[in-house]
Amino acid sequence: MKKWILGTMFAVLSGLSQASWAQGGFFDESFGNYREELEAAREAGKQGVFMFFQMDECPFCRRMETTIMTEPDVIALFKEHFLNFEVDIEGSNEVTDFDGTVSTAQQMSEKKYRVRATPVMMIFDLKGNPLLKYTGPTRTKEEFKLLAQYVIDGAYKTMPFTKYKRQQK
């Protein structure tokens, strides 16, 4: 009887932790219509849209996704201010860009946003204009959070990210 109760409790707790992990994940669901996502971001009171351009074979992308982007404070900061989407730069899925252009994820990544290496992180304003483009992984979660704060504070308007980062230390 005790084993049955313990087993049931474990199953329930496991299900709850998996459900909360799925709900609290870093990336938001998208069907690839980023024009509609801008509208959703505006309605939700967000400051913009964060896009993480990656590819499956990228070890730097995986490291960021499995370490930095799983931290609760990182998730909370980005979820509060942005809708967050992952884009496979080799993807053949159809997407609609912020301006209504329809192409594949690969074409949008290569031709429009000139993604040549991964990861590339971009933050767009609520009109679909790029505010930040950062190529390569961040070394720490603090540096990753600074990327968001750089846009949230509006510092991107007056100085490069490297200068902002130095000022924050």
N, C-alpha and C. Protein backbone atom coordinates (compact mmCIF):
# COMPACT_ATOMS: atom_id res chain seq x y z
N MET A 1 0.82 -1.20 0.00
CA MET A 1 0.00 0.00 0.00
C MET A 1 0.86 1.26 0.00
N LYS A 2 1.90 1.25 0.88
CA LYS A 2 2.78 2.41 0.94
C LYS A 2 3.50 2.62 -0.39
N LYS A 3 3.93 1.54 -1.02
CA LYS A 3 4.61 1.65 -2.32
C LYS A 3 3.67 2.26 -3.36
N TRP A 4 2.41 1.86 -3.34
CA TRP A 4 1.43 2.39 -4.29
C TRP A 4 1.25 3.89 -4.08
N ILE A 5 1.13 4.32 -2.81
CA ILE A 5 0.95 5.74 -2.50
C ILE A 5 2.20 6.52 -2.93
N LEU A 6 3.38 6.01 -2.61
CA LEU A 6 4.62 6.69 -3.00
C LEU A 6 4.74 6.76 -4.53
N GLY A 7 4.40 5.68 -5.19
CA GLY A 7 4.46 5.65 -6.65
C GLY A 7 3.50 6.65 -7.28
N THR A 8 2.30 6.74 -6.73
CA THR A 8 1.31 7.69 -7.21
C THR A 8 1.78 9.12 -7.00
N MET A 9 2.31 9.40 -5.80
CA MET A 9 2.80 10.75 -5.51
C MET A 9 3.94 11.12 -6.46
N PHE A 10 4.84 10.18 -6.71
CA PHE A 10 5.96 10.44 -7.62
C PHE A 10 5.45 10.74 -9.03
N ALA A 11 4.48 9.98 -9.49
CA ALA A 11 3.93 10.19 -10.83
C ALA A 11 3.27 11.56 -10.94
N VAL A 12 2.51 11.93 -9.91
CA VAL A 12 1.84 13.23 -9.92
C VAL A 12 2.86 14.36 -9.91
N LEU A 13 3.86 14.26 -9.02
CA LEU A 13 4.88 15.30 -8.94
C LEU A 13 5.69 15.38 -10.23
N SER A 14 6.00 14.25 -10.83
CA SER A 14 6.74 14.26 -12.10
C SER A 14 5.93 14.94 -13.17
N GLY A 15 4.64 14.63 -13.22
CA GLY A 15 3.76 15.27 -14.21
C GLY A 15 3.68 16.76 -13.99
N LEU A 16 3.60 17.19 -12.75
CA LEU A 16 3.53 18.62 -12.46
C LEU A 16 4.82 19.33 -12.85
N SER A 17 5.96 18.71 -12.54
CA SER A 17 7.22 19.37 -12.88
C SER A 17 7.40 19.43 -14.39
N GLN A 18 6.98 18.39 -15.12
CA GLN A 18 7.07 18.43 -16.57
C GLN A 18 6.13 19.48 -17.14
N ALA A 19 4.92 19.58 -16.59
CA ALA A 19 3.97 20.57 -17.08
C ALA A 19 4.47 21.98 -16.80
N SER A 20 5.02 22.21 -15.61
CA SER A 20 5.50 23.55 -15.32
C SER A 20 6.72 23.87 -16.16
N TRP A 21 7.56 22.89 -16.46
CA TRP A 21 8.72 23.13 -17.31
C TRP A 21 8.24 23.50 -18.71
N ALA A 22 7.24 22.80 -19.22
CA ALA A 22 6.73 23.08 -20.57
C ALA A 22 6.12 24.48 -20.63
N GLN A 23 5.40 24.87 -19.59
CA GLN A 23 4.78 26.18 -19.57
C GLN A 23 5.81 27.28 -19.37
N GLY A 24 6.86 26.99 -18.64
CA GLY A 24 7.84 28.00 -18.29
C GLY A 24 9.05 28.02 -19.20
N GLY A 25 9.01 27.30 -20.32
CA GLY A 25 10.14 27.28 -21.22
C GLY A 25 10.45 28.66 -21.79
N PHE A 26 11.64 28.81 -22.31
CA PHE A 26 12.09 30.11 -22.79
C PHE A 26 11.34 30.57 -24.04
N PHE A 27 11.16 29.67 -25.00
CA PHE A 27 10.58 30.06 -26.29
C PHE A 27 9.06 29.98 -26.29
N ASP A 28 8.46 30.91 -27.02
CA ASP A 28 7.02 30.92 -27.22
C ASP A 28 6.68 30.10 -28.46
N GLU A 29 5.46 29.59 -28.49
CA GLU A 29 4.97 28.85 -29.66
C GLU A 29 4.74 29.81 -30.82
N SER A 30 5.06 29.37 -32.02
CA SER A 30 4.81 30.18 -33.20
C SER A 30 4.51 29.28 -34.38
N PHE A 31 3.62 29.75 -35.24
CA PHE A 31 3.34 29.04 -36.48
C PHE A 31 4.10 29.66 -37.64
N GLY A 32 5.04 30.55 -37.32
CA GLY A 32 5.90 31.13 -38.35
C GLY A 32 5.36 32.39 -38.99
N ASN A 33 4.25 32.92 -38.48
CA ASN A 33 3.75 34.19 -39.01
C ASN A 33 4.17 35.29 -38.04
N TYR A 34 5.36 35.85 -38.29
CA TYR A 34 5.93 36.82 -37.36
C TYR A 34 5.21 38.17 -37.43
N ARG A 35 4.51 38.40 -38.51
CA ARG A 35 3.68 39.60 -38.58
C ARG A 35 2.56 39.53 -37.54
N GLU A 36 1.94 38.36 -37.42
CA GLU A 36 0.91 38.15 -36.41
C GLU A 36 1.51 38.17 -35.01
N GLU A 37 2.74 37.68 -34.88
CA GLU A 37 3.40 37.66 -33.57
C GLU A 37 3.66 39.09 -33.07
N LEU A 38 3.94 40.01 -34.00
CA LEU A 38 4.11 41.41 -33.60
C LEU A 38 2.83 41.95 -32.98
N GLU A 39 1.71 41.62 -33.59
CA GLU A 39 0.42 42.05 -33.05
C GLU A 39 0.19 41.45 -31.67
N ALA A 40 0.53 40.17 -31.52
CA ALA A 40 0.39 39.52 -30.22
C ALA A 40 1.29 40.18 -29.18
N ALA A 41 2.50 40.56 -29.59
CA ALA A 41 3.43 41.23 -28.67
C ALA A 41 2.87 42.58 -28.23
N ARG A 42 2.30 43.32 -29.17
CA ARG A 42 1.69 44.62 -28.83
C ARG A 42 0.53 44.43 -27.85
N GLU A 43 -0.34 43.47 -28.15
CA GLU A 43 -1.50 43.21 -27.29
C GLU A 43 -1.08 42.77 -25.90
N ALA A 44 0.03 42.07 -25.80
CA ALA A 44 0.51 41.57 -24.50
C ALA A 44 1.33 42.61 -23.75
N GLY A 45 1.54 43.78 -24.35
CA GLY A 45 2.30 44.83 -23.67
C GLY A 45 3.80 44.59 -23.65
N LYS A 46 4.29 43.82 -24.59
CA LYS A 46 5.73 43.54 -24.67
C LYS A 46 6.45 44.71 -25.33
N GLN A 47 7.77 44.73 -25.19
CA GLN A 47 8.58 45.77 -25.83
C GLN A 47 9.05 45.36 -27.22
N GLY A 48 8.98 44.08 -27.52
CA GLY A 48 9.43 43.63 -28.83
C GLY A 48 9.44 42.13 -28.94
N VAL A 49 10.20 41.67 -29.93
CA VAL A 49 10.31 40.24 -30.23
C VAL A 49 11.79 39.87 -30.25
N PHE A 50 12.12 38.80 -29.52
CA PHE A 50 13.48 38.25 -29.50
C PHE A 50 13.49 37.03 -30.40
N MET A 51 14.48 36.96 -31.31
CA MET A 51 14.60 35.79 -32.19
C MET A 51 15.99 35.19 -32.03
N PHE A 52 16.02 33.88 -31.84
CA PHE A 52 17.24 33.11 -31.66
C PHE A 52 17.44 32.26 -32.91
N PHE A 53 18.32 32.70 -33.80
CA PHE A 53 18.61 31.97 -35.03
C PHE A 53 19.65 30.90 -34.70
N GLN A 54 19.30 29.64 -34.99
CA GLN A 54 20.16 28.52 -34.61
C GLN A 54 20.08 27.42 -35.67
N MET A 55 20.95 26.44 -35.52
CA MET A 55 20.84 25.23 -36.33
C MET A 55 21.12 24.03 -35.44
N ASP A 56 20.58 22.89 -35.82
CA ASP A 56 20.63 21.71 -34.96
C ASP A 56 22.05 21.27 -34.59
N GLU A 57 23.00 21.41 -35.51
CA GLU A 57 24.36 20.92 -35.26
C GLU A 57 25.22 21.91 -34.49
N CYS A 58 24.69 23.03 -34.08
CA CYS A 58 25.47 24.09 -33.45
C CYS A 58 25.67 23.81 -31.95
N PRO A 59 26.89 23.50 -31.53
CA PRO A 59 27.12 23.23 -30.10
C PRO A 59 26.94 24.47 -29.23
N PHE A 60 27.22 25.63 -29.77
CA PHE A 60 27.06 26.87 -29.00
C PHE A 60 25.58 27.17 -28.75
N CYS A 61 24.76 26.89 -29.76
CA CYS A 61 23.31 27.07 -29.62
C CYS A 61 22.78 26.12 -28.54
N ARG A 62 23.18 24.85 -28.61
CA ARG A 62 22.71 23.86 -27.64
C ARG A 62 23.14 24.24 -26.23
N ARG A 63 24.39 24.72 -26.07
CA ARG A 63 24.86 25.11 -24.75
C ARG A 63 24.00 26.23 -24.18
N MET A 64 23.70 27.23 -25.00
CA MET A 64 22.87 28.33 -24.53
C MET A 64 21.46 27.85 -24.17
N GLU A 65 20.90 26.99 -25.02
CA GLU A 65 19.53 26.51 -24.80
C GLU A 65 19.42 25.61 -23.57
N THR A 66 20.46 24.86 -23.27
CA THR A 66 20.38 23.90 -22.16
C THR A 66 20.93 24.45 -20.85
N THR A 67 21.61 25.57 -20.88
CA THR A 67 22.13 26.14 -19.63
C THR A 67 21.53 27.52 -19.39
N ILE A 68 21.92 28.49 -20.15
CA ILE A 68 21.51 29.88 -19.91
C ILE A 68 20.01 30.07 -20.05
N MET A 69 19.41 29.53 -21.11
CA MET A 69 17.99 29.77 -21.39
C MET A 69 17.06 28.91 -20.53
N THR A 70 17.61 28.15 -19.60
CA THR A 70 16.78 27.37 -18.68
C THR A 70 16.74 28.01 -17.30
N GLU A 71 17.51 29.04 -17.09
CA GLU A 71 17.56 29.71 -15.79
C GLU A 71 16.28 30.52 -15.55
N PRO A 72 15.62 30.33 -14.41
CA PRO A 72 14.35 31.02 -14.14
C PRO A 72 14.43 32.54 -14.25
N ASP A 73 15.52 33.17 -13.79
CA ASP A 73 15.61 34.63 -13.86
C ASP A 73 15.77 35.11 -15.30
N VAL A 74 16.44 34.32 -16.12
CA VAL A 74 16.59 34.65 -17.54
C VAL A 74 15.23 34.55 -18.24
N ILE A 75 14.54 33.45 -17.99
CA ILE A 75 13.22 33.24 -18.59
C ILE A 75 12.28 34.37 -18.18
N ALA A 76 12.27 34.70 -16.90
CA ALA A 76 11.37 35.75 -16.40
C ALA A 76 11.64 37.09 -17.06
N LEU A 77 12.92 37.47 -17.19
CA LEU A 77 13.27 38.75 -17.80
C LEU A 77 12.82 38.82 -19.25
N PHE A 78 13.14 37.80 -20.02
CA PHE A 78 12.80 37.80 -21.44
C PHE A 78 11.29 37.69 -21.65
N LYS A 79 10.61 36.85 -20.85
CA LYS A 79 9.15 36.69 -20.99
C LYS A 79 8.41 37.97 -20.63
N GLU A 80 8.95 38.73 -19.67
CA GLU A 80 8.29 39.97 -19.27
C GLU A 80 8.30 41.01 -20.38
N HIS A 81 9.39 41.07 -21.14
CA HIS A 81 9.57 42.15 -22.09
C HIS A 81 9.42 41.77 -23.56
N PHE A 82 9.56 40.48 -23.90
CA PHE A 82 9.58 40.07 -25.30
C PHE A 82 8.78 38.79 -25.52
N LEU A 83 8.32 38.61 -26.76
CA LEU A 83 7.95 37.27 -27.22
C LEU A 83 9.23 36.68 -27.76
N ASN A 84 9.47 35.40 -27.52
CA ASN A 84 10.76 34.77 -27.82
C ASN A 84 10.58 33.59 -28.77
N PHE A 85 11.27 33.66 -29.90
CA PHE A 85 11.12 32.62 -30.91
C PHE A 85 12.46 32.07 -31.36
N GLU A 86 12.44 30.80 -31.68
CA GLU A 86 13.61 30.10 -32.19
C GLU A 86 13.42 29.90 -33.69
N VAL A 87 14.47 30.19 -34.47
CA VAL A 87 14.40 30.05 -35.92
C VAL A 87 15.52 29.13 -36.37
N ASP A 88 15.16 28.03 -37.04
CA ASP A 88 16.14 27.10 -37.60
C ASP A 88 16.62 27.67 -38.93
N ILE A 89 17.89 28.06 -39.01
CA ILE A 89 18.39 28.71 -40.22
C ILE A 89 18.47 27.77 -41.41
N GLU A 90 18.28 26.47 -41.17
CA GLU A 90 18.24 25.50 -42.27
C GLU A 90 16.81 25.04 -42.55
N GLY A 91 15.85 25.66 -41.90
CA GLY A 91 14.46 25.22 -41.98
C GLY A 91 13.82 25.48 -43.33
N SER A 92 13.03 24.51 -43.78
CA SER A 92 12.30 24.65 -45.04
C SER A 92 10.84 25.03 -44.80
N ASN A 93 10.49 25.23 -43.53
CA ASN A 93 9.11 25.61 -43.21
C ASN A 93 8.83 27.03 -43.70
N GLU A 94 7.60 27.25 -44.12
CA GLU A 94 7.20 28.56 -44.61
C GLU A 94 7.00 29.52 -43.45
N VAL A 95 7.54 30.72 -43.59
CA VAL A 95 7.37 31.76 -42.57
C VAL A 95 6.93 33.05 -43.24
N THR A 96 6.27 33.88 -42.45
CA THR A 96 5.89 35.22 -42.90
C THR A 96 6.64 36.20 -42.03
N ASP A 97 7.49 37.00 -42.66
CA ASP A 97 8.31 37.95 -41.94
C ASP A 97 7.47 39.12 -41.45
N PHE A 98 8.07 39.98 -40.65
CA PHE A 98 7.37 41.12 -40.06
C PHE A 98 6.71 42.01 -41.11
N ASP A 99 7.32 42.11 -42.29
CA ASP A 99 6.77 42.98 -43.34
C ASP A 99 5.79 42.26 -44.26
N GLY A 100 5.49 41.00 -43.95
CA GLY A 100 4.53 40.24 -44.75
C GLY A 100 5.16 39.38 -45.83
N THR A 101 6.48 39.43 -46.00
CA THR A 101 7.17 38.61 -47.00
C THR A 101 7.09 37.14 -46.60
N VAL A 102 6.68 36.30 -47.55
CA VAL A 102 6.58 34.86 -47.30
C VAL A 102 7.79 34.19 -47.94
N SER A 103 8.48 33.36 -47.17
CA SER A 103 9.64 32.61 -47.65
C SER A 103 9.83 31.42 -46.73
N THR A 104 10.97 30.77 -46.83
CA THR A 104 11.29 29.70 -45.88
C THR A 104 12.11 30.32 -44.75
N ALA A 105 12.20 29.60 -43.63
CA ALA A 105 13.02 30.07 -42.51
C ALA A 105 14.47 30.25 -42.97
N GLN A 106 14.95 29.36 -43.82
CA GLN A 106 16.32 29.45 -44.32
C GLN A 106 16.51 30.71 -45.17
N GLN A 107 15.59 30.96 -46.08
CA GLN A 107 15.71 32.16 -46.93
C GLN A 107 15.63 33.44 -46.11
N MET A 108 14.71 33.49 -45.16
CA MET A 108 14.59 34.67 -44.31
C MET A 108 15.89 34.89 -43.52
N SER A 109 16.43 33.81 -42.96
CA SER A 109 17.64 33.92 -42.16
C SER A 109 18.82 34.39 -43.00
N GLU A 110 19.02 33.76 -44.14
CA GLU A 110 20.19 34.07 -44.98
C GLU A 110 20.07 35.39 -45.72
N LYS A 111 18.96 35.56 -46.41
CA LYS A 111 18.83 36.72 -47.31
C LYS A 111 18.42 38.00 -46.59
N LYS A 112 17.46 37.91 -45.70
CA LYS A 112 16.95 39.11 -45.06
C LYS A 112 17.81 39.54 -43.87
N TYR A 113 18.15 38.58 -42.99
CA TYR A 113 18.86 38.94 -41.76
C TYR A 113 20.34 38.59 -41.80
N ARG A 114 20.79 38.06 -42.92
CA ARG A 114 22.21 37.80 -43.16
C ARG A 114 22.88 37.00 -42.04
N VAL A 115 22.19 35.96 -41.63
CA VAL A 115 22.73 35.06 -40.62
C VAL A 115 23.71 34.13 -41.30
N ARG A 116 24.96 34.23 -40.91
CA ARG A 116 26.02 33.43 -41.53
C ARG A 116 26.63 32.41 -40.56
N ALA A 117 26.50 32.66 -39.28
CA ALA A 117 27.00 31.77 -38.24
C ALA A 117 25.93 31.71 -37.15
N THR A 118 26.02 30.72 -36.30
CA THR A 118 25.02 30.61 -35.23
C THR A 118 25.71 30.48 -33.89
N PRO A 119 25.04 30.87 -32.83
CA PRO A 119 23.73 31.51 -32.82
C PRO A 119 23.81 32.99 -33.19
N VAL A 120 22.69 33.51 -33.68
CA VAL A 120 22.51 34.94 -33.87
C VAL A 120 21.25 35.30 -33.09
N MET A 121 21.36 36.32 -32.27
CA MET A 121 20.24 36.79 -31.48
C MET A 121 19.87 38.18 -31.95
N MET A 122 18.58 38.37 -32.23
CA MET A 122 18.10 39.67 -32.67
C MET A 122 16.88 40.06 -31.85
N ILE A 123 16.79 41.34 -31.56
CA ILE A 123 15.60 41.88 -30.90
C ILE A 123 15.01 42.92 -31.84
N PHE A 124 13.70 42.81 -32.06
CA PHE A 124 12.96 43.70 -32.96
C PHE A 124 11.98 44.52 -32.15
N ASP A 125 11.74 45.76 -32.59
CA ASP A 125 10.73 46.58 -31.94
C ASP A 125 9.35 46.12 -32.39
N LEU A 126 8.32 46.78 -31.93
CA LEU A 126 6.94 46.36 -32.22
C LEU A 126 6.47 46.70 -33.63
N LYS A 127 7.37 47.27 -34.44
CA LYS A 127 7.07 47.51 -35.86
C LYS A 127 7.86 46.54 -36.74
N GLY A 128 8.68 45.70 -36.11
CA GLY A 128 9.49 44.73 -36.85
C GLY A 128 10.85 45.25 -37.24
N ASN A 129 11.26 46.38 -36.70
CA ASN A 129 12.59 46.93 -36.99
C ASN A 129 13.62 46.33 -36.05
N PRO A 130 14.77 45.89 -36.59
CA PRO A 130 15.80 45.33 -35.72
C PRO A 130 16.44 46.40 -34.83
N LEU A 131 16.54 46.08 -33.53
CA LEU A 131 17.18 46.97 -32.57
C LEU A 131 18.55 46.46 -32.17
N LEU A 132 18.72 45.15 -32.23
CA LEU A 132 19.96 44.51 -31.79
C LEU A 132 20.22 43.27 -32.62
N LYS A 133 21.47 43.09 -33.02
CA LYS A 133 21.89 41.84 -33.65
C LYS A 133 23.20 41.45 -32.98
N TYR A 134 23.21 40.28 -32.38
CA TYR A 134 24.38 39.78 -31.65
C TYR A 134 24.72 38.41 -32.20
N THR A 135 25.92 38.26 -32.72
CA THR A 135 26.35 36.99 -33.31
C THR A 135 27.28 36.27 -32.34
N GLY A 136 26.99 34.99 -32.13
CA GLY A 136 27.80 34.17 -31.24
C GLY A 136 27.12 33.99 -29.90
N PRO A 137 27.59 33.01 -29.14
CA PRO A 137 26.98 32.77 -27.83
C PRO A 137 27.45 33.80 -26.81
N THR A 138 26.63 34.02 -25.80
CA THR A 138 27.10 34.80 -24.67
C THR A 138 27.86 33.85 -23.75
N ARG A 139 28.80 34.39 -23.02
CA ARG A 139 29.62 33.54 -22.14
C ARG A 139 28.87 33.14 -20.89
N THR A 140 28.05 34.04 -20.38
CA THR A 140 27.35 33.79 -19.12
C THR A 140 25.89 34.22 -19.23
N LYS A 141 25.12 33.80 -18.24
CA LYS A 141 23.72 34.24 -18.22
C LYS A 141 23.64 35.73 -17.95
N GLU A 142 24.59 36.28 -17.19
CA GLU A 142 24.59 37.72 -16.92
C GLU A 142 24.76 38.52 -18.21
N GLU A 143 25.67 38.05 -19.08
CA GLU A 143 25.87 38.74 -20.36
C GLU A 143 24.62 38.63 -21.22
N PHE A 144 23.97 37.48 -21.20
CA PHE A 144 22.73 37.28 -21.97
C PHE A 144 21.64 38.22 -21.45
N LYS A 145 21.51 38.33 -20.14
CA LYS A 145 20.52 39.24 -19.56
C LYS A 145 20.85 40.68 -19.91
N LEU A 146 22.14 41.02 -20.01
CA LEU A 146 22.53 42.38 -20.40
C LEU A 146 22.05 42.72 -21.81
N LEU A 147 22.03 41.72 -22.71
CA LEU A 147 21.50 41.96 -24.06
C LEU A 147 20.07 42.48 -23.98
N ALA A 148 19.27 41.82 -23.15
CA ALA A 148 17.87 42.25 -23.00
C ALA A 148 17.82 43.62 -22.35
N GLN A 149 18.58 43.82 -21.30
CA GLN A 149 18.56 45.08 -20.56
C GLN A 149 19.01 46.25 -21.44
N TYR A 150 19.95 45.99 -22.33
CA TYR A 150 20.45 46.99 -23.27
C TYR A 150 19.31 47.56 -24.12
N VAL A 151 18.40 46.69 -24.53
CA VAL A 151 17.25 47.13 -25.31
C VAL A 151 16.17 47.72 -24.39
N ILE A 152 15.90 47.07 -23.27
CA ILE A 152 14.88 47.54 -22.33
C ILE A 152 15.19 48.97 -21.88
N ASP A 153 16.46 49.23 -21.56
CA ASP A 153 16.88 50.56 -21.10
C ASP A 153 16.92 51.61 -22.21
N GLY A 154 16.91 51.16 -23.47
CA GLY A 154 17.03 52.09 -24.60
C GLY A 154 18.46 52.49 -24.90
N ALA A 155 19.43 51.82 -24.27
CA ALA A 155 20.84 52.16 -24.48
C ALA A 155 21.29 51.90 -25.91
N TYR A 156 20.59 51.01 -26.62
CA TYR A 156 20.95 50.72 -28.02
C TYR A 156 20.88 51.96 -28.90
N LYS A 157 20.13 52.97 -28.46
CA LYS A 157 19.98 54.21 -29.24
C LYS A 157 21.22 55.09 -29.19
N THR A 158 22.02 54.94 -28.13
CA THR A 158 23.13 55.88 -27.92
C THR A 158 24.51 55.27 -27.87
N MET A 159 24.62 53.94 -27.74
CA MET A 159 25.96 53.34 -27.63
C MET A 159 25.95 51.90 -28.09
N PRO A 160 27.12 51.41 -28.51
CA PRO A 160 27.22 49.99 -28.87
C PRO A 160 27.12 49.11 -27.61
N PHE A 161 26.76 47.84 -27.83
CA PHE A 161 26.58 46.92 -26.71
C PHE A 161 27.86 46.75 -25.91
N THR A 162 29.01 46.70 -26.57
CA THR A 162 30.27 46.50 -25.83
C THR A 162 30.51 47.62 -24.83
N LYS A 163 30.20 48.85 -25.20
CA LYS A 163 30.36 49.97 -24.28
C LYS A 163 29.36 49.85 -23.13
N TYR A 164 28.13 49.50 -23.43
CA TYR A 164 27.10 49.32 -22.40
C TYR A 164 27.54 48.24 -21.42
N LYS A 165 28.06 47.15 -21.95
CA LYS A 165 28.50 46.03 -21.11
C LYS A 165 29.62 46.47 -20.17
N ARG A 166 30.58 47.23 -20.67
CA ARG A 166 31.66 47.73 -19.83
C ARG A 166 31.14 48.64 -18.73
N GLN A 167 30.17 49.48 -19.04
CA GLN A 167 29.60 50.40 -18.06
C GLN A 167 28.85 49.67 -16.94
N GLN A 168 28.32 48.50 -17.25
CA GLN A 168 27.53 47.75 -16.26
C GLN A 168 28.40 46.99 -15.28
N LYS A 169 29.68 46.83 -15.58
CA LYS A 169 30.57 46.04 -14.71
C LYS A 169 31.02 46.83 -13.53
